[in-house]
């Protein structure tokens, strides 16, 4: 996510706390937040995909995604 989008999220959050948002701004805020969270989760999943656990017996295995 680029810096301008993050700044826009922060601007909308500040405006929400002071004067409130229009319906259009609320939709924009929700879309930007969703985009931010999706990109954050993708980055975290990529980082965790590189984690390898070493068991006491010396075997190694990659983390597996838990189903919830």
PDB file of N, CA and C in Angstrom:
ATOM      1  N   UNK A   1       0.857  -1.166   0.000  1.00  0.00           N
ATOM      2  CA  UNK A   1       0.000   0.000   0.000  1.00  0.00           C
ATOM      3  C   UNK A   1       0.903   1.229   0.000  1.00  0.00           C
ATOM      4  N   UNK A   2       0.585   2.175  -0.834  1.00  0.00           N
ATOM      5  CA  UNK A   2       1.429   3.358  -0.931  1.00  0.00           C
ATOM      6  C   UNK A   2       1.159   4.345   0.204  1.00  0.00           C
ATOM      7  N   UNK A   3       2.092   5.246   0.361  1.00  0.00           N
ATOM      8  CA  UNK A   3       2.039   6.220   1.461  1.00  0.00           C
ATOM      9  C   UNK A   3       0.797   7.114   1.366  1.00  0.00           C
ATOM     10  N   UNK A   4       0.405   7.474   0.157  1.00  0.00           N
ATOM     11  CA  UNK A   4      -0.755   8.350  -0.020  1.00  0.00           C
ATOM     12  C   UNK A   4      -2.038   7.681   0.484  1.00  0.00           C
ATOM     13  N   UNK A   5      -2.170   6.391   0.256  1.00  0.00           N
ATOM     14  CA  UNK A   5      -3.361   5.667   0.718  1.00  0.00           C
ATOM     15  C   UNK A   5      -3.406   5.602   2.240  1.00  0.00           C
ATOM     16  N   UNK A   6      -2.253   5.382   2.857  1.00  0.00           N
ATOM     17  CA  UNK A   6      -2.196   5.337   4.319  1.00  0.00           C
ATOM     18  C   UNK A   6      -2.524   6.704   4.900  1.00  0.00           C
ATOM     19  N   UNK A   7      -2.016   7.752   4.271  1.00  0.00           N
ATOM     20  CA  UNK A   7      -2.342   9.113   4.711  1.00  0.00           C
ATOM     21  C   UNK A   7      -3.831   9.384   4.581  1.00  0.00           C
ATOM     22  N   UNK A   8      -4.437   8.873   3.516  1.00  0.00           N
ATOM     23  CA  UNK A   8      -5.875   9.072   3.315  1.00  0.00           C
ATOM     24  C   UNK A   8      -6.664   8.343   4.408  1.00  0.00           C
ATOM     25  N   UNK A   9      -6.240   7.158   4.782  1.00  0.00           N
ATOM     26  CA  UNK A   9      -6.889   6.427   5.877  1.00  0.00           C
ATOM     27  C   UNK A   9      -6.825   7.254   7.150  1.00  0.00           C
ATOM     28  N   UNK A  10      -5.655   7.802   7.447  1.00  0.00           N
ATOM     29  CA  UNK A  10      -5.481   8.603   8.659  1.00  0.00           C
ATOM     30  C   UNK A  10      -6.311   9.881   8.614  1.00  0.00           C
ATOM     31  N   UNK A  11      -6.376  10.515   7.451  1.00  0.00           N
ATOM     32  CA  UNK A  11      -7.176  11.732   7.302  1.00  0.00           C
ATOM     33  C   UNK A  11      -8.652  11.437   7.556  1.00  0.00           C
ATOM     34  N   UNK A  12      -9.141  10.354   6.978  1.00  0.00           N
ATOM     35  CA  UNK A  12     -10.541   9.993   7.174  1.00  0.00           C
ATOM     36  C   UNK A  12     -10.820   9.627   8.629  1.00  0.00           C
ATOM     37  N   UNK A  13      -9.870   8.989   9.295  1.00  0.00           N
ATOM     38  CA  UNK A  13     -10.054   8.627  10.706  1.00  0.00           C
ATOM     39  C   UNK A  13     -10.147   9.890  11.564  1.00  0.00           C
ATOM     40  N   UNK A  14      -9.276  10.858  11.295  1.00  0.00           N
ATOM     41  CA  UNK A  14      -9.322  12.110  12.055  1.00  0.00           C
ATOM     42  C   UNK A  14     -10.628  12.851  11.804  1.00  0.00           C
ATOM     43  N   UNK A  15     -11.044  12.892  10.558  1.00  0.00           N
ATOM     44  CA  UNK A  15     -12.287  13.590  10.215  1.00  0.00           C
ATOM     45  C   UNK A  15     -13.484  12.893  10.864  1.00  0.00           C
ATOM     46  N   UNK A  16     -13.435  11.578  10.906  1.00  0.00           N
ATOM     47  CA  UNK A  16     -14.521  10.808  11.522  1.00  0.00           C
ATOM     48  C   UNK A  16     -14.690  11.167  12.992  1.00  0.00           C
ATOM     49  N   UNK A  17     -13.568  11.402  13.673  1.00  0.00           N
ATOM     50  CA  UNK A  17     -13.612  11.728  15.102  1.00  0.00           C
ATOM     51  C   UNK A  17     -14.063  13.158  15.367  1.00  0.00           C
ATOM     52  N   UNK A  18     -13.866  14.052  14.401  1.00  0.00           N
ATOM     53  CA  UNK A  18     -14.185  15.464  14.636  1.00  0.00           C
ATOM     54  C   UNK A  18     -15.547  15.844  14.072  1.00  0.00           C
ATOM     55  N   UNK A  19     -15.687  15.831  12.757  1.00  0.00           N
ATOM     56  CA  UNK A  19     -16.932  16.313  12.144  1.00  0.00           C
ATOM     57  C   UNK A  19     -17.802  15.209  11.573  1.00  0.00           C
ATOM     58  N   UNK A  20     -17.270  14.024  11.428  1.00  0.00           N
ATOM     59  CA  UNK A  20     -18.035  12.924  10.862  1.00  0.00           C
ATOM     60  C   UNK A  20     -17.767  12.779   9.376  1.00  0.00           C
ATOM     61  N   UNK A  21     -18.202  11.651   8.836  1.00  0.00           N
ATOM     62  CA  UNK A  21     -17.965  11.341   7.428  1.00  0.00           C
ATOM     63  C   UNK A  21     -19.275  11.245   6.668  1.00  0.00           C
ATOM     64  N   UNK A  22     -19.211  11.577   5.380  1.00  0.00           N
ATOM     65  CA  UNK A  22     -20.360  11.370   4.513  1.00  0.00           C
ATOM     66  C   UNK A  22     -20.432   9.881   4.189  1.00  0.00           C
ATOM     67  N   UNK A  23     -21.547   9.461   3.615  1.00  0.00           N
ATOM     68  CA  UNK A  23     -21.687   8.048   3.249  1.00  0.00           C
ATOM     69  C   UNK A  23     -20.616   7.632   2.243  1.00  0.00           C
ATOM     70  N   UNK A  24     -20.298   8.518   1.315  1.00  0.00           N
ATOM     71  CA  UNK A  24     -19.267   8.227   0.311  1.00  0.00           C
ATOM     72  C   UNK A  24     -17.897   8.061   0.979  1.00  0.00           C
ATOM     73  N   UNK A  25     -17.589   8.908   1.937  1.00  0.00           N
ATOM     74  CA  UNK A  25     -16.318   8.822   2.654  1.00  0.00           C
ATOM     75  C   UNK A  25     -16.254   7.571   3.512  1.00  0.00           C
ATOM     76  N   UNK A  26     -17.382   7.165   4.082  1.00  0.00           N
ATOM     77  CA  UNK A  26     -17.418   5.928   4.875  1.00  0.00           C
ATOM     78  C   UNK A  26     -17.113   4.727   3.999  1.00  0.00           C
ATOM     79  N   UNK A  27     -17.660   4.727   2.785  1.00  0.00           N
ATOM     80  CA  UNK A  27     -17.398   3.633   1.852  1.00  0.00           C
ATOM     81  C   UNK A  27     -15.930   3.621   1.436  1.00  0.00           C
ATOM     82  N   UNK A  28     -15.367   4.812   1.180  1.00  0.00           N
ATOM     83  CA  UNK A  28     -13.959   4.912   0.818  1.00  0.00           C
ATOM     84  C   UNK A  28     -13.079   4.407   1.961  1.00  0.00           C
ATOM     85  N   UNK A  29     -13.423   4.799   3.183  1.00  0.00           N
ATOM     86  CA  UNK A  29     -12.659   4.390   4.355  1.00  0.00           C
ATOM     87  C   UNK A  29     -12.692   2.866   4.507  1.00  0.00           C
ATOM     88  N   UNK A  30     -13.865   2.285   4.344  1.00  0.00           N
ATOM     89  CA  UNK A  30     -13.995   0.832   4.469  1.00  0.00           C
ATOM     90  C   UNK A  30     -13.180   0.112   3.397  1.00  0.00           C
ATOM     91  N   UNK A  31     -13.200   0.620   2.175  1.00  0.00           N
ATOM     92  CA  UNK A  31     -12.446  -0.002   1.090  1.00  0.00           C
ATOM     93  C   UNK A  31     -10.943   0.106   1.344  1.00  0.00           C
ATOM     94  N   UNK A  32     -10.484   1.266   1.805  1.00  0.00           N
ATOM     95  CA  UNK A  32      -9.058   1.445   2.088  1.00  0.00           C
ATOM     96  C   UNK A  32      -8.605   0.557   3.245  1.00  0.00           C
ATOM     97  N   UNK A  33      -9.426   0.452   4.272  1.00  0.00           N
ATOM     98  CA  UNK A  33      -9.083  -0.411   5.403  1.00  0.00           C
ATOM     99  C   UNK A  33      -9.002  -1.867   4.975  1.00  0.00           C
ATOM    100  N   UNK A  34      -9.956  -2.307   4.142  1.00  0.00           N
ATOM    101  CA  UNK A  34      -9.968  -3.687   3.648  1.00  0.00           C
ATOM    102  C   UNK A  34      -8.699  -3.954   2.843  1.00  0.00           C
ATOM    103  N   UNK A  35      -8.319  -3.008   1.973  1.00  0.00           N
ATOM    104  CA  UNK A  35      -7.112  -3.159   1.165  1.00  0.00           C
ATOM    105  C   UNK A  35      -5.887  -3.261   2.068  1.00  0.00           C
ATOM    106  N   UNK A  36      -5.811  -2.399   3.074  1.00  0.00           N
ATOM    107  CA  UNK A  36      -4.678  -2.410   4.003  1.00  0.00           C
ATOM    108  C   UNK A  36      -4.581  -3.754   4.724  1.00  0.00           C
ATOM    109  N   UNK A  37      -5.695  -4.230   5.245  1.00  0.00           N
ATOM    110  CA  UNK A  37      -5.692  -5.506   5.968  1.00  0.00           C
ATOM    111  C   UNK A  37      -5.341  -6.679   5.060  1.00  0.00           C
ATOM    112  N   UNK A  38      -5.861  -6.675   3.832  1.00  0.00           N
ATOM    113  CA  UNK A  38      -5.543  -7.753   2.896  1.00  0.00           C
ATOM    114  C   UNK A  38      -4.044  -7.796   2.598  1.00  0.00           C
ATOM    115  N   UNK A  39      -3.450  -6.618   2.377  1.00  0.00           N
ATOM    116  CA  UNK A  39      -2.018  -6.565   2.093  1.00  0.00           C
ATOM    117  C   UNK A  39      -1.189  -6.944   3.318  1.00  0.00           C
ATOM    118  N   UNK A  40      -1.636  -6.530   4.503  1.00  0.00           N
ATOM    119  CA  UNK A  40      -0.933  -6.896   5.729  1.00  0.00           C
ATOM    120  C   UNK A  40      -0.959  -8.405   5.926  1.00  0.00           C
ATOM    121  N   UNK A  41      -2.124  -9.004   5.762  1.00  0.00           N
ATOM    122  CA  UNK A  41      -2.248 -10.455   5.944  1.00  0.00           C
ATOM    123  C   UNK A  41      -1.408 -11.224   4.934  1.00  0.00           C
ATOM    124  N   UNK A  42      -1.398 -10.758   3.686  1.00  0.00           N
ATOM    125  CA  UNK A  42      -0.600 -11.431   2.659  1.00  0.00           C
ATOM    126  C   UNK A  42       0.880 -11.375   3.014  1.00  0.00           C
ATOM    127  N   UNK A  43       1.338 -10.234   3.498  1.00  0.00           N
ATOM    128  CA  UNK A  43       2.738 -10.105   3.896  1.00  0.00           C
ATOM    129  C   UNK A  43       3.076 -10.991   5.077  1.00  0.00           C
ATOM    130  N   UNK A  44       2.167 -11.066   6.034  1.00  0.00           N
ATOM    131  CA  UNK A  44       2.398 -11.899   7.215  1.00  0.00           C
ATOM    132  C   UNK A  44       2.413 -13.376   6.833  1.00  0.00           C
ATOM    133  N   UNK A  45       1.508 -13.784   5.958  1.00  0.00           N
ATOM    134  CA  UNK A  45       1.486 -15.182   5.514  1.00  0.00           C
ATOM    135  C   UNK A  45       2.769 -15.533   4.762  1.00  0.00           C
ATOM    136  N   UNK A  46       3.260 -14.611   3.954  1.00  0.00           N
ATOM    137  CA  UNK A  46       4.511 -14.856   3.222  1.00  0.00           C
ATOM    138  C   UNK A  46       5.677 -15.001   4.189  1.00  0.00           C
ATOM    139  N   UNK A  47       5.694 -14.170   5.221  1.00  0.00           N
ATOM    140  CA  UNK A  47       6.767 -14.244   6.210  1.00  0.00           C
ATOM    141  C   UNK A  47       6.696 -15.563   6.978  1.00  0.00           C
ATOM    142  N   UNK A  48       5.504 -15.960   7.378  1.00  0.00           N
ATOM    143  CA  UNK A  48       5.353 -17.201   8.136  1.00  0.00           C
ATOM    144  C   UNK A  48       5.622 -18.430   7.278  1.00  0.00           C
ATOM    145  N   UNK A  49       5.430 -18.317   5.970  1.00  0.00           N
ATOM    146  CA  UNK A  49       5.706 -19.449   5.079  1.00  0.00           C
ATOM    147  C   UNK A  49       7.193 -19.804   5.094  1.00  0.00           C
ATOM    148  N   UNK A  50       8.038 -18.856   5.436  1.00  0.00           N
ATOM    149  CA  UNK A  50       9.473 -19.118   5.482  1.00  0.00           C
ATOM    150  C   UNK A  50       9.969 -19.642   6.811  1.00  0.00           C
ATOM    151  N   UNK A  51       9.085 -19.783   7.784  1.00  0.00           N
ATOM    152  CA  UNK A  51       9.478 -20.257   9.114  1.00  0.00           C
ATOM    153  C   UNK A  51       9.566 -21.784   9.109  1.00  0.00           C
ATOM    154  N   UNK A  52      10.655 -22.281   9.654  1.00  0.00           N
ATOM    155  CA  UNK A  52      10.860 -23.724   9.750  1.00  0.00           C
ATOM    156  C   UNK A  52      11.041 -24.078  11.222  1.00  0.00           C
ATOM    157  N   UNK A  53      10.286 -25.069  11.669  1.00  0.00           N
ATOM    158  CA  UNK A  53      10.395 -25.548  13.048  1.00  0.00           C
ATOM    159  C   UNK A  53      11.368 -26.717  13.101  1.00  0.00           C
ATOM    160  N   UNK A  54      12.262 -26.677  14.076  1.00  0.00           N
ATOM    161  CA  UNK A  54      13.169 -27.802  14.276  1.00  0.00           C
ATOM    162  C   UNK A  54      12.730 -28.528  15.539  1.00  0.00           C
ATOM    163  N   UNK A  55      12.397 -29.780  15.378  1.00  0.00           N
ATOM    164  CA  UNK A  55      11.936 -30.611  16.487  1.00  0.00           C
ATOM    165  C   UNK A  55      13.128 -31.091  17.313  1.00  0.00           C
ATOM    166  N   UNK A  56      12.885 -31.519  18.560  1.00  0.00           N
ATOM    167  CA  UNK A  56      13.986 -32.011  19.405  1.00  0.00           C
ATOM    168  C   UNK A  56      14.768 -33.170  18.780  1.00  0.00           C
ATOM    169  N   UNK A  57      14.110 -33.966  17.921  1.00  0.00           N
ATOM    170  CA  UNK A  57      14.813 -35.090  17.290  1.00  0.00           C
ATOM    171  C   UNK A  57      15.618 -34.662  16.060  1.00  0.00           C
ATOM    172  N   UNK A  58      15.592 -33.355  15.733  1.00  0.00           N
ATOM    173  CA  UNK A  58      16.387 -32.841  14.629  1.00  0.00           C
ATOM    174  C   UNK A  58      15.641 -32.689  13.318  1.00  0.00           C
ATOM    175  N   UNK A  59      14.420 -33.204  13.263  1.00  0.00           N
ATOM    176  CA  UNK A  59      13.652 -33.050  12.029  1.00  0.00           C
ATOM    177  C   UNK A  59      13.165 -31.608  11.894  1.00  0.00           C
ATOM    178  N   UNK A  60      12.989 -31.203  10.661  1.00  0.00           N
ATOM    179  CA  UNK A  60      12.525 -29.846  10.387  1.00  0.00           C
ATOM    180  C   UNK A  60      11.243 -29.911   9.573  1.00  0.00           C
ATOM    181  N   UNK A  61      10.348 -28.980   9.860  1.00  0.00           N
ATOM    182  CA  UNK A  61       9.121 -28.906   9.081  1.00  0.00           C
ATOM    183  C   UNK A  61       8.651 -27.454   9.006  1.00  0.00           C
ATOM    184  N   UNK A  62       8.001 -27.143   7.911  1.00  0.00           N
ATOM    185  CA  UNK A  62       7.457 -25.805   7.707  1.00  0.00           C
ATOM    186  C   UNK A  62       6.154 -25.657   8.491  1.00  0.00           C
ATOM    187  N   UNK A  63       5.842 -24.438   8.858  1.00  0.00           N
ATOM    188  CA  UNK A  63       4.556 -24.189   9.515  1.00  0.00           C
ATOM    189  C   UNK A  63       3.429 -24.501   8.557  1.00  0.00           C
ATOM    190  N   UNK A  64       2.340 -24.970   9.090  1.00  0.00           N
ATOM    191  CA  UNK A  64       1.168 -25.270   8.272  1.00  0.00           C
ATOM    192  C   UNK A  64       0.055 -24.307   8.665  1.00  0.00           C
ATOM    193  N   UNK A  65      -0.722 -23.904   7.700  1.00  0.00           N
ATOM    194  CA  UNK A  65      -1.832 -23.013   7.956  1.00  0.00           C
ATOM    195  C   UNK A  65      -2.939 -23.806   8.646  1.00  0.00           C
ATOM    196  N   UNK A  66      -3.384 -23.279   9.798  1.00  0.00           N
ATOM    197  CA  UNK A  66      -4.460 -23.932  10.533  1.00  0.00           C
ATOM    198  C   UNK A  66      -5.787 -23.575   9.908  1.00  0.00           C
ATOM    199  N   UNK A  67      -6.669 -24.528   9.862  1.00  0.00           N
ATOM    200  CA  UNK A  67      -8.024 -24.222   9.413  1.00  0.00           C
ATOM    201  C   UNK A  67      -8.858 -23.908  10.639  1.00  0.00           C
ATOM    202  N   UNK A  68      -9.591 -22.821  10.553  1.00  0.00           N
ATOM    203  CA  UNK A  68     -10.399 -22.396  11.705  1.00  0.00           C
ATOM    204  C   UNK A  68     -11.860 -22.499  11.412  1.00  0.00           C
TER     205      UNK A  68
END
